[in-house]
Amino acid sequence: MTEQPSASGPRRTGPFGPAGEIVPRNQAIVKLSAEDSMLSAFERLCDDGFNQAPVVEGNRCLGVLRFFSAVQGLMQEQWFRDKLAAVKVRNFVDLNPRYIGADDWVDIGFDWQQDDLALVGTPGDLKGLVTATDILRRLTDYAQAFVHLEAIEHDTRELLELALPLPASEEAVLAAFVDGPRPIKSLKSYDECEFWQYGLIFGREATFARLQEFCIWDRGPLVHRLKRVSTIRNTLLHFRGRATDREVSELEQFACHAAAALKRAHQCFRCRGPL
């Protein structure tokens, strides 16, 4: 048995992909100059509907101007405080905010570009509020499980391709499917396998013997964990619920194992060549 890989083992691809791909197409970046007056900057932000914008000095980005940080700075000025003291809040209230019921589901159709905040409840019974940041945090929580699943499937498939290459190992791999619910007669690529079938391959003694030296777990515990991953995967893919913190932790642990096993396999085969 080899040592347990660290939690930082698997590569992190991120739930949303490279930042460059998230930037909207044909985006015109609204930039403020460091020499602009605050009046000009506020007018620009208001006209374009932004709460913040990058500030440039020459060809270099100096930083970001945010409404919140600007107001914090202005609050240090007595003249600004005197002006605010003479104005009532009601003069600036949005009288038509977005309300959603506490039991209403927030789905993709919710227009967060129009409203970055929703009040939960009714005007007479306010339960709380939900912001676009809260939704992003929830999406990230959902996505993290899928990130681990993608890493597990990728690394497990690549490990099989290294240790049990096709078509040389086709007969041995197909033998693992004989007792499964849907035996198959030929296998040209592991891409043809469903995830639960990986468990059959690892579960067969003859095929596991080719994989054992790379795995930190024995055959029984490993197959049990593969079944757990498959169960969690089916729950998520069929929208039967979100992954619990414990399930995300299980996926992360298995992703660490899969990444470490694949790394050992690559190191091994570089030294002695494929089995």
C-alpha atoms as a PDB file:
ATOM      1  CA  MET A   1       0.000   0.000   0.000  1.00  0.00           C
ATOM      2  CA  THR A   2       1.275   3.433  -0.832  1.00  0.00           C
ATOM      3  CA  GLU A   3       0.804   6.620   1.177  1.00  0.00           C
ATOM      4  CA  GLN A   4      -2.359   8.700   1.002  1.00  0.00           C
ATOM      5  CA  PRO A   5      -2.065  11.577  -1.503  1.00  0.00           C
ATOM      6  CA  SER A   6      -2.632  15.075  -0.192  1.00  0.00           C
ATOM      7  CA  ALA A   7      -5.914  16.923  -0.691  1.00  0.00           C
ATOM      8  CA  SER A   8      -4.122  19.187  -3.125  1.00  0.00           C
ATOM      9  CA  GLY A   9      -3.399  16.260  -5.412  1.00  0.00           C
ATOM     10  CA  PRO A  10      -5.870  16.613  -8.298  1.00  0.00           C
ATOM     11  CA  ARG A  11      -5.513  19.364 -10.822  1.00  0.00           C
ATOM     12  CA  ARG A  12      -8.069  22.167 -10.444  1.00  0.00           C
ATOM     13  CA  THR A  13      -9.620  23.090 -13.756  1.00  0.00           C
ATOM     14  CA  GLY A  14     -12.154  25.449 -12.177  1.00  0.00           C
ATOM     15  CA  PRO A  15     -15.911  25.120 -12.529  1.00  0.00           C
ATOM     16  CA  PHE A  16     -16.365  27.840 -15.162  1.00  0.00           C
ATOM     17  CA  GLY A  17     -13.406  27.385 -17.496  1.00  0.00           C
ATOM     18  CA  PRO A  18     -10.616  29.824 -18.433  1.00  0.00           C
ATOM     19  CA  ALA A  19     -11.309  33.476 -17.607  1.00  0.00           C
ATOM     20  CA  GLY A  20     -10.648  34.482 -21.207  1.00  0.00           C
ATOM     21  CA  GLU A  21     -13.606  32.385 -22.343  1.00  0.00           C
ATOM     22  CA  ILE A  22     -15.950  34.051 -19.840  1.00  0.00           C
ATOM     23  CA  VAL A  23     -15.261  37.569 -21.114  1.00  0.00           C
ATOM     24  CA  PRO A  24     -18.323  38.582 -23.203  1.00  0.00           C
ATOM     25  CA  ARG A  25     -17.754  38.679 -26.936  1.00  0.00           C
ATOM     26  CA  ASN A  26     -17.191  42.128 -28.435  1.00  0.00           C
ATOM     27  CA  GLN A  27     -16.938  43.580 -24.938  1.00  0.00           C
ATOM     28  CA  ALA A  28     -16.168  47.297 -24.925  1.00  0.00           C
ATOM     29  CA  ILE A  29     -14.269  47.917 -21.698  1.00  0.00           C
ATOM     30  CA  VAL A  30     -15.431  51.054 -19.922  1.00  0.00           C
ATOM     31  CA  LYS A  31     -12.282  52.699 -18.606  1.00  0.00           C
ATOM     32  CA  LEU A  32     -11.911  55.741 -16.405  1.00  0.00           C
ATOM     33  CA  SER A  33      -8.878  57.984 -16.449  1.00  0.00           C
ATOM     34  CA  ALA A  34      -7.046  58.720 -13.241  1.00  0.00           C
ATOM     35  CA  GLU A  35      -7.332  62.397 -14.171  1.00  0.00           C
ATOM     36  CA  ASP A  36     -11.142  62.329 -14.550  1.00  0.00           C
ATOM     37  CA  SER A  37     -13.152  64.258 -11.972  1.00  0.00           C
ATOM     38  CA  MET A  38     -15.322  62.213  -9.617  1.00  0.00           C
ATOM     39  CA  LEU A  39     -18.362  63.902 -11.165  1.00  0.00           C
ATOM     40  CA  SER A  40     -17.319  62.683 -14.608  1.00  0.00           C
ATOM     41  CA  ALA A  41     -16.565  59.204 -13.287  1.00  0.00           C
ATOM     42  CA  PHE A  42     -19.923  58.903 -11.505  1.00  0.00           C
ATOM     43  CA  GLU A  43     -21.765  60.134 -14.583  1.00  0.00           C
ATOM     44  CA  ARG A  44     -19.970  57.554 -16.699  1.00  0.00           C
ATOM     45  CA  LEU A  45     -20.769  54.722 -14.317  1.00  0.00           C
ATOM     46  CA  CYS A  46     -24.405  55.780 -14.044  1.00  0.00           C
ATOM     47  CA  ASP A  47     -24.799  56.140 -17.823  1.00  0.00           C
ATOM     48  CA  ASP A  48     -23.329  52.684 -18.466  1.00  0.00           C
ATOM     49  CA  GLY A  49     -25.058  51.014 -15.515  1.00  0.00           C
ATOM     50  CA  PHE A  50     -21.874  49.840 -13.787  1.00  0.00           C
ATOM     51  CA  ASN A  51     -20.976  49.773 -10.113  1.00  0.00           C
ATOM     52  CA  GLN A  52     -17.264  49.693 -10.862  1.00  0.00           C
ATOM     53  CA  ALA A  53     -14.766  50.246 -13.665  1.00  0.00           C
ATOM     54  CA  PRO A  54     -10.999  49.978 -14.213  1.00  0.00           C
ATOM     55  CA  VAL A  55      -8.949  53.167 -13.910  1.00  0.00           C
ATOM     56  CA  VAL A  56      -6.045  53.702 -16.301  1.00  0.00           C
ATOM     57  CA  GLU A  57      -3.054  55.981 -16.196  1.00  0.00           C
ATOM     58  CA  GLY A  58      -1.417  56.155 -19.594  1.00  0.00           C
ATOM     59  CA  ASN A  59      -1.337  52.588 -20.932  1.00  0.00           C
ATOM     60  CA  ARG A  60      -1.340  51.008 -17.474  1.00  0.00           C
ATOM     61  CA  CYS A  61      -4.287  49.881 -15.380  1.00  0.00           C
ATOM     62  CA  LEU A  62      -3.981  51.683 -12.075  1.00  0.00           C
ATOM     63  CA  GLY A  63      -6.780  49.823 -10.312  1.00  0.00           C
ATOM     64  CA  VAL A  64     -10.566  49.829  -9.991  1.00  0.00           C
ATOM     65  CA  LEU A  65     -12.983  52.548  -8.921  1.00  0.00           C
ATOM     66  CA  ARG A  66     -16.002  51.154  -7.077  1.00  0.00           C
ATOM     67  CA  PHE A  67     -19.065  53.079  -5.988  1.00  0.00           C
ATOM     68  CA  PHE A  68     -18.724  51.635  -2.499  1.00  0.00           C
ATOM     69  CA  SER A  69     -15.079  52.563  -2.081  1.00  0.00           C
ATOM     70  CA  ALA A  70     -15.741  55.999  -3.593  1.00  0.00           C
ATOM     71  CA  VAL A  71     -18.541  56.685  -1.130  1.00  0.00           C
ATOM     72  CA  GLN A  72     -16.321  55.468   1.709  1.00  0.00           C
ATOM     73  CA  GLY A  73     -13.726  58.024   0.651  1.00  0.00           C
ATOM     74  CA  LEU A  74     -16.269  60.801   0.272  1.00  0.00           C
ATOM     75  CA  MET A  75     -17.642  60.045   3.729  1.00  0.00           C
ATOM     76  CA  GLN A  76     -14.349  61.298   5.095  1.00  0.00           C
ATOM     77  CA  GLU A  77     -15.132  64.745   3.674  1.00  0.00           C
ATOM     78  CA  GLN A  78     -17.207  66.987   5.955  1.00  0.00           C
ATOM     79  CA  TRP A  79     -18.875  68.846   3.086  1.00  0.00           C
ATOM     80  CA  PHE A  80     -20.146  65.538   1.711  1.00  0.00           C
ATOM     81  CA  ARG A  81     -21.473  64.490   5.106  1.00  0.00           C
ATOM     82  CA  ASP A  82     -23.230  67.849   5.441  1.00  0.00           C
ATOM     83  CA  LYS A  83     -24.896  67.379   2.055  1.00  0.00           C
ATOM     84  CA  LEU A  84     -26.093  63.867   2.964  1.00  0.00           C
ATOM     85  CA  ALA A  85     -27.447  65.056   6.315  1.00  0.00           C
ATOM     86  CA  ALA A  86     -29.885  67.327   4.490  1.00  0.00           C
ATOM     87  CA  VAL A  87     -31.317  64.567   2.254  1.00  0.00           C
ATOM     88  CA  LYS A  88     -33.846  61.881   3.210  1.00  0.00           C
ATOM     89  CA  VAL A  89     -33.364  58.265   2.211  1.00  0.00           C
ATOM     90  CA  ARG A  90     -36.865  58.112   0.733  1.00  0.00           C
ATOM     91  CA  ASN A  91     -35.709  60.397  -2.078  1.00  0.00           C
ATOM     92  CA  PHE A  92     -33.519  57.580  -3.431  1.00  0.00           C
ATOM     93  CA  VAL A  93     -35.561  54.462  -2.655  1.00  0.00           C
ATOM     94  CA  ASP A  94     -36.299  52.016  -5.466  1.00  0.00           C
ATOM     95  CA  LEU A  95     -40.041  51.622  -4.968  1.00  0.00           C
ATOM     96  CA  ASN A  96     -40.311  48.595  -7.241  1.00  0.00           C
ATOM     97  CA  PRO A  97     -37.732  46.085  -6.022  1.00  0.00           C
ATOM     98  CA  ARG A  98     -37.848  42.392  -6.969  1.00  0.00           C
ATOM     99  CA  TYR A  99     -39.695  40.250  -4.410  1.00  0.00           C
ATOM    100  CA  ILE A 100     -39.617  36.460  -4.399  1.00  0.00           C
ATOM    101  CA  GLY A 101     -41.374  34.103  -2.024  1.00  0.00           C
ATOM    102  CA  ALA A 102     -39.297  32.220   0.514  1.00  0.00           C
ATOM    103  CA  ASP A 103     -40.517  28.927  -0.994  1.00  0.00           C
ATOM    104  CA  ASP A 104     -40.126  30.020  -4.626  1.00  0.00           C
ATOM    105  CA  TRP A 105     -37.302  28.402  -6.545  1.00  0.00           C
ATOM    106  CA  VAL A 106     -34.670  30.686  -8.054  1.00  0.00           C
ATOM    107  CA  ASP A 107     -33.831  29.310 -11.479  1.00  0.00           C
ATOM    108  CA  ILE A 108     -31.721  30.242 -14.476  1.00  0.00           C
ATOM    109  CA  GLY A 109     -34.559  32.411 -15.774  1.00  0.00           C
ATOM    110  CA  PHE A 110     -34.087  34.928 -12.957  1.00  0.00           C
ATOM    111  CA  ASP A 111     -32.766  38.109 -14.541  1.00  0.00           C
ATOM    112  CA  TRP A 112     -29.738  38.967 -12.438  1.00  0.00           C
ATOM    113  CA  GLN A 113     -28.594  41.472 -15.029  1.00  0.00           C
ATOM    114  CA  GLN A 114     -31.682  43.531 -14.302  1.00  0.00           C
ATOM    115  CA  ASP A 115     -31.621  43.105 -10.524  1.00  0.00           C
ATOM    116  CA  ASP A 116     -28.532  42.223  -8.527  1.00  0.00           C
ATOM    117  CA  LEU A 117     -30.643  41.852  -5.388  1.00  0.00           C
ATOM    118  CA  ALA A 118     -34.000  40.271  -4.597  1.00  0.00           C
ATOM    119  CA  LEU A 119     -36.007  40.675  -1.405  1.00  0.00           C
ATOM    120  CA  VAL A 120     -37.271  37.396   0.013  1.00  0.00           C
ATOM    121  CA  GLY A 121     -40.788  37.549   1.404  1.00  0.00           C
ATOM    122  CA  THR A 122     -43.287  40.388   1.114  1.00  0.00           C
ATOM    123  CA  PRO A 123     -43.229  44.119   1.989  1.00  0.00           C
ATOM    124  CA  GLY A 124     -45.016  43.284   5.227  1.00  0.00           C
ATOM    125  CA  ASP A 125     -42.984  40.162   6.046  1.00  0.00           C
ATOM    126  CA  LEU A 126     -39.391  40.469   4.879  1.00  0.00           C
ATOM    127  CA  LYS A 127     -37.446  37.227   5.400  1.00  0.00           C
ATOM    128  CA  GLY A 128     -34.112  38.321   3.968  1.00  0.00           C
ATOM    129  CA  LEU A 129     -32.410  39.121   0.702  1.00  0.00           C
ATOM    130  CA  VAL A 130     -30.553  37.254  -2.031  1.00  0.00           C
ATOM    131  CA  THR A 131     -27.832  38.849  -4.146  1.00  0.00           C
ATOM    132  CA  ALA A 132     -26.181  37.834  -7.392  1.00  0.00           C
ATOM    133  CA  THR A 133     -23.109  36.964  -5.312  1.00  0.00           C
ATOM    134  CA  ASP A 134     -25.197  34.494  -3.283  1.00  0.00           C
ATOM    135  CA  ILE A 135     -26.343  32.834  -6.508  1.00  0.00           C
ATOM    136  CA  LEU A 136     -22.780  32.665  -7.834  1.00  0.00           C
ATOM    137  CA  ARG A 137     -21.637  31.096  -4.564  1.00  0.00           C
ATOM    138  CA  ARG A 138     -24.396  28.484  -4.819  1.00  0.00           C
ATOM    139  CA  LEU A 139     -23.507  27.766  -8.459  1.00  0.00           C
ATOM    140  CA  THR A 140     -19.880  27.319  -7.449  1.00  0.00           C
ATOM    141  CA  ASP A 141     -20.937  24.852  -4.750  1.00  0.00           C
ATOM    142  CA  TYR A 142     -22.937  22.894  -7.325  1.00  0.00           C
ATOM    143  CA  ALA A 143     -20.158  23.038  -9.886  1.00  0.00           C
ATOM    144  CA  GLN A 144     -17.429  21.825  -7.524  1.00  0.00           C
ATOM    145  CA  ALA A 145     -18.876  18.318  -7.449  1.00  0.00           C
ATOM    146  CA  PHE A 146     -18.879  18.221 -11.259  1.00  0.00           C
ATOM    147  CA  VAL A 147     -15.259  19.434 -11.323  1.00  0.00           C
ATOM    148  CA  HIS A 148     -14.252  16.480  -9.156  1.00  0.00           C
ATOM    149  CA  LEU A 149     -16.332  14.090 -11.264  1.00  0.00           C
ATOM    150  CA  GLU A 150     -14.722  15.300 -14.481  1.00  0.00           C
ATOM    151  CA  ALA A 151     -11.259  14.819 -12.983  1.00  0.00           C
ATOM    152  CA  ILE A 152     -12.160  11.331 -11.706  1.00  0.00           C
ATOM    153  CA  GLU A 153     -13.556  10.170 -15.045  1.00  0.00           C
ATOM    154  CA  HIS A 154     -10.643  11.624 -17.024  1.00  0.00           C
ATOM    155  CA  ASP A 155      -7.901  10.201 -14.795  1.00  0.00           C
ATOM    156  CA  THR A 156      -9.585   6.804 -14.336  1.00  0.00           C
ATOM    157  CA  ARG A 157     -10.038   6.424 -18.090  1.00  0.00           C
ATOM    158  CA  GLU A 158      -6.438   7.446 -18.792  1.00  0.00           C
ATOM    159  CA  LEU A 159      -5.173   5.016 -16.134  1.00  0.00           C
ATOM    160  CA  LEU A 160      -7.058   2.188 -17.824  1.00  0.00           C
ATOM    161  CA  GLU A 161      -5.667   3.212 -21.206  1.00  0.00           C
ATOM    162  CA  LEU A 162      -2.138   3.000 -19.797  1.00  0.00           C
ATOM    163  CA  ALA A 163      -2.422  -0.195 -17.749  1.00  0.00           C
ATOM    164  CA  LEU A 164      -4.963  -2.061 -19.888  1.00  0.00           C
ATOM    165  CA  PRO A 165      -4.453  -0.711 -23.407  1.00  0.00           C
ATOM    166  CA  LEU A 166      -6.934  -1.594 -26.114  1.00  0.00           C
ATOM    167  CA  PRO A 167      -7.155  -3.663 -28.230  1.00  0.00           C
ATOM    168  CA  ALA A 168      -4.407  -5.730 -26.559  1.00  0.00           C
ATOM    169  CA  SER A 169      -6.382  -6.020 -23.301  1.00  0.00           C
ATOM    170  CA  GLU A 170      -9.850  -6.182 -24.866  1.00  0.00           C
ATOM    171  CA  GLU A 171     -10.476  -9.828 -23.989  1.00  0.00           C
ATOM    172  CA  ALA A 172      -9.501  -9.346 -20.342  1.00  0.00           C
ATOM    173  CA  VAL A 173     -11.631  -6.213 -20.003  1.00  0.00           C
ATOM    174  CA  LEU A 174     -14.677  -7.776 -21.683  1.00  0.00           C
ATOM    175  CA  ALA A 175     -14.453 -10.676 -19.244  1.00  0.00           C
ATOM    176  CA  ALA A 176     -15.124  -8.172 -16.458  1.00  0.00           C
ATOM    177  CA  PHE A 177     -18.454  -7.293 -18.059  1.00  0.00           C
ATOM    178  CA  VAL A 178     -19.760 -10.863 -18.283  1.00  0.00           C
ATOM    179  CA  ASP A 179     -21.541 -10.720 -14.935  1.00  0.00           C
ATOM    180  CA  GLY A 180     -22.694  -7.140 -15.417  1.00  0.00           C
ATOM    181  CA  PRO A 181     -26.256  -6.110 -16.248  1.00  0.00           C
ATOM    182  CA  ARG A 182     -25.360  -5.248 -19.867  1.00  0.00           C
ATOM    183  CA  PRO A 183     -22.506  -7.417 -21.228  1.00  0.00           C
ATOM    184  CA  ILE A 184     -20.845  -6.057 -24.375  1.00  0.00           C
ATOM    185  CA  LYS A 185     -19.162  -8.032 -27.141  1.00  0.00           C
ATOM    186  CA  SER A 186     -16.498  -5.588 -28.226  1.00  0.00           C
ATOM    187  CA  LEU A 187     -14.679  -2.549 -26.869  1.00  0.00           C
ATOM    188  CA  LYS A 188     -12.554  -0.317 -29.065  1.00  0.00           C
ATOM    189  CA  SER A 189     -12.163   2.601 -26.645  1.00  0.00           C
ATOM    190  CA  TYR A 190     -12.803   3.288 -22.968  1.00  0.00           C
ATOM    191  CA  ASP A 191     -14.880   6.242 -24.141  1.00  0.00           C
ATOM    192  CA  GLU A 192     -17.533   3.627 -24.949  1.00  0.00           C
ATOM    193  CA  CYS A 193     -17.773   2.608 -21.284  1.00  0.00           C
ATOM    194  CA  GLU A 194     -20.239   4.034 -18.826  1.00  0.00           C
ATOM    195  CA  PHE A 195     -18.758   5.092 -15.509  1.00  0.00           C
ATOM    196  CA  TRP A 196     -20.272   2.220 -13.510  1.00  0.00           C
ATOM    197  CA  GLN A 197     -18.476  -0.220 -15.835  1.00  0.00           C
ATOM    198  CA  TYR A 198     -15.132   1.047 -14.558  1.00  0.00           C
ATOM    199  CA  GLY A 199     -16.103  -0.543 -11.259  1.00  0.00           C
ATOM    200  CA  LEU A 200     -16.469  -3.922 -12.984  1.00  0.00           C
ATOM    201  CA  ILE A 201     -12.985  -3.604 -14.469  1.00  0.00           C
ATOM    202  CA  PHE A 202     -11.408  -2.709 -11.121  1.00  0.00           C
ATOM    203  CA  GLY A 203     -13.523  -5.350  -9.400  1.00  0.00           C
ATOM    204  CA  ARG A 204     -12.268  -8.301 -11.451  1.00  0.00           C
ATOM    205  CA  GLU A 205      -9.184  -9.857  -9.877  1.00  0.00           C
ATOM    206  CA  ALA A 206      -7.376 -10.463 -13.166  1.00  0.00           C
ATOM    207  CA  THR A 207      -7.717  -6.888 -14.394  1.00  0.00           C
ATOM    208  CA  PHE A 208      -7.137  -5.329 -10.979  1.00  0.00           C
ATOM    209  CA  ALA A 209      -3.805  -7.160 -10.834  1.00  0.00           C
ATOM    210  CA  ARG A 210      -2.637  -4.876 -13.658  1.00  0.00           C
ATOM    211  CA  LEU A 211      -3.799  -1.786 -11.768  1.00  0.00           C
ATOM    212  CA  GLN A 212      -3.047  -2.645  -8.144  1.00  0.00           C
ATOM    213  CA  GLU A 213       0.470  -1.230  -7.923  1.00  0.00           C
ATOM    214  CA  PHE A 214      -0.846   2.261  -8.732  1.00  0.00           C
ATOM    215  CA  CYS A 215      -3.764   2.274  -6.266  1.00  0.00           C
ATOM    216  CA  ILE A 216      -3.663   3.236  -2.599  1.00  0.00           C
ATOM    217  CA  TRP A 217      -6.697   1.077  -1.780  1.00  0.00           C
ATOM    218  CA  ASP A 218      -7.179  -2.671  -2.056  1.00  0.00           C
ATOM    219  CA  ARG A 219      -9.672  -4.021  -4.553  1.00  0.00           C
ATOM    220  CA  GLY A 220     -12.692  -4.243  -2.212  1.00  0.00           C
ATOM    221  CA  PRO A 221     -12.459  -0.729  -0.708  1.00  0.00           C
ATOM    222  CA  LEU A 222     -11.662   0.738  -4.128  1.00  0.00           C
ATOM    223  CA  VAL A 223     -14.692  -0.861  -5.776  1.00  0.00           C
ATOM    224  CA  HIS A 224     -16.866   0.343  -2.882  1.00  0.00           C
ATOM    225  CA  ARG A 225     -15.635   3.903  -3.403  1.00  0.00           C
ATOM    226  CA  LEU A 226     -16.188   3.646  -7.146  1.00  0.00           C
ATOM    227  CA  LYS A 227     -19.786   2.621  -6.489  1.00  0.00           C
ATOM    228  CA  ARG A 228     -20.201   5.602  -4.158  1.00  0.00           C
ATOM    229  CA  VAL A 229     -18.849   7.942  -6.838  1.00  0.00           C
ATOM    230  CA  SER A 230     -21.216   6.372  -9.376  1.00  0.00           C
ATOM    231  CA  THR A 231     -24.187   6.836  -7.035  1.00  0.00           C
ATOM    232  CA  ILE A 232     -23.347  10.496  -6.390  1.00  0.00           C
ATOM    233  CA  ARG A 233     -22.814  11.005 -10.115  1.00  0.00           C
ATOM    234  CA  ASN A 234     -26.221   9.563 -10.985  1.00  0.00           C
ATOM    235  CA  THR A 235     -27.907  11.731  -8.363  1.00  0.00           C
ATOM    236  CA  LEU A 236     -26.381  14.888  -9.833  1.00  0.00           C
ATOM    237  CA  LEU A 237     -26.849  14.018 -13.503  1.00  0.00           C
ATOM    238  CA  HIS A 238     -30.512  13.126 -12.995  1.00  0.00           C
ATOM    239  CA  PHE A 239     -31.169  16.284 -10.932  1.00  0.00           C
ATOM    240  CA  ARG A 240     -32.296  14.325  -7.888  1.00  0.00           C
ATOM    241  CA  GLY A 241     -30.569  16.732  -5.540  1.00  0.00           C
ATOM    242  CA  ARG A 242     -27.326  18.564  -4.892  1.00  0.00           C
ATOM    243  CA  ALA A 243     -24.208  16.974  -3.484  1.00  0.00           C
ATOM    244  CA  THR A 244     -23.841  17.283   0.284  1.00  0.00           C
ATOM    245  CA  ASP A 245     -20.624  18.554   1.839  1.00  0.00           C
ATOM    246  CA  ARG A 246     -19.760  14.970   2.742  1.00  0.00           C
ATOM    247  CA  GLU A 247     -20.323  13.791  -0.833  1.00  0.00           C
ATOM    248  CA  VAL A 248     -18.187  16.608  -2.251  1.00  0.00           C
ATOM    249  CA  SER A 249     -15.478  15.570   0.221  1.00  0.00           C
ATOM    250  CA  GLU A 250     -15.754  11.947  -0.962  1.00  0.00           C
ATOM    251  CA  LEU A 251     -15.422  13.059  -4.570  1.00  0.00           C
ATOM    252  CA  GLU A 252     -12.429  15.237  -3.747  1.00  0.00           C
ATOM    253  CA  GLN A 253     -10.726  12.362  -1.927  1.00  0.00           C
ATOM    254  CA  PHE A 254     -11.295   9.991  -4.829  1.00  0.00           C
ATOM    255  CA  ALA A 255     -10.104  12.624  -7.307  1.00  0.00           C
ATOM    256  CA  CYS A 256      -6.876  12.878  -5.282  1.00  0.00           C
ATOM    257  CA  HIS A 257      -6.494   9.106  -5.468  1.00  0.00           C
ATOM    258  CA  ALA A 258      -7.174   8.969  -9.208  1.00  0.00           C
ATOM    259  CA  ALA A 259      -4.689  11.779  -9.908  1.00  0.00           C
ATOM    260  CA  ALA A 260      -2.005  10.150  -7.742  1.00  0.00           C
ATOM    261  CA  ALA A 261      -2.583   6.730  -9.345  1.00  0.00           C
ATOM    262  CA  LEU A 262      -2.325   8.207 -12.834  1.00  0.00           C
ATOM    263  CA  LYS A 263       0.860  10.064 -11.900  1.00  0.00           C
ATOM    264  CA  ARG A 264       2.449   6.857 -10.599  1.00  0.00           C
ATOM    265  CA  ALA A 265       1.399   5.011 -13.754  1.00  0.00           C
ATOM    266  CA  HIS A 266       2.989   7.635 -15.993  1.00  0.00           C
ATOM    267  CA  GLN A 267       6.208   7.534 -13.962  1.00  0.00           C
ATOM    268  CA  CYS A 268       6.263   3.757 -14.050  1.00  0.00           C
ATOM    269  CA  PHE A 269       5.658   3.438 -17.781  1.00  0.00           C
ATOM    270  CA  ARG A 270       8.248   6.087 -18.579  1.00  0.00           C
ATOM    271  CA  CYS A 271      10.818   3.958 -16.756  1.00  0.00           C
ATOM    272  CA  ARG A 272       9.942   0.523 -18.093  1.00  0.00           C
ATOM    273  CA  GLY A 273       7.465   1.012 -20.921  1.00  0.00           C
ATOM    274  CA  PRO A 274       3.827  -0.195 -21.124  1.00  0.00           C
ATOM    275  CA  LEU A 275       2.925  -3.494 -19.506  1.00  0.00           C
END
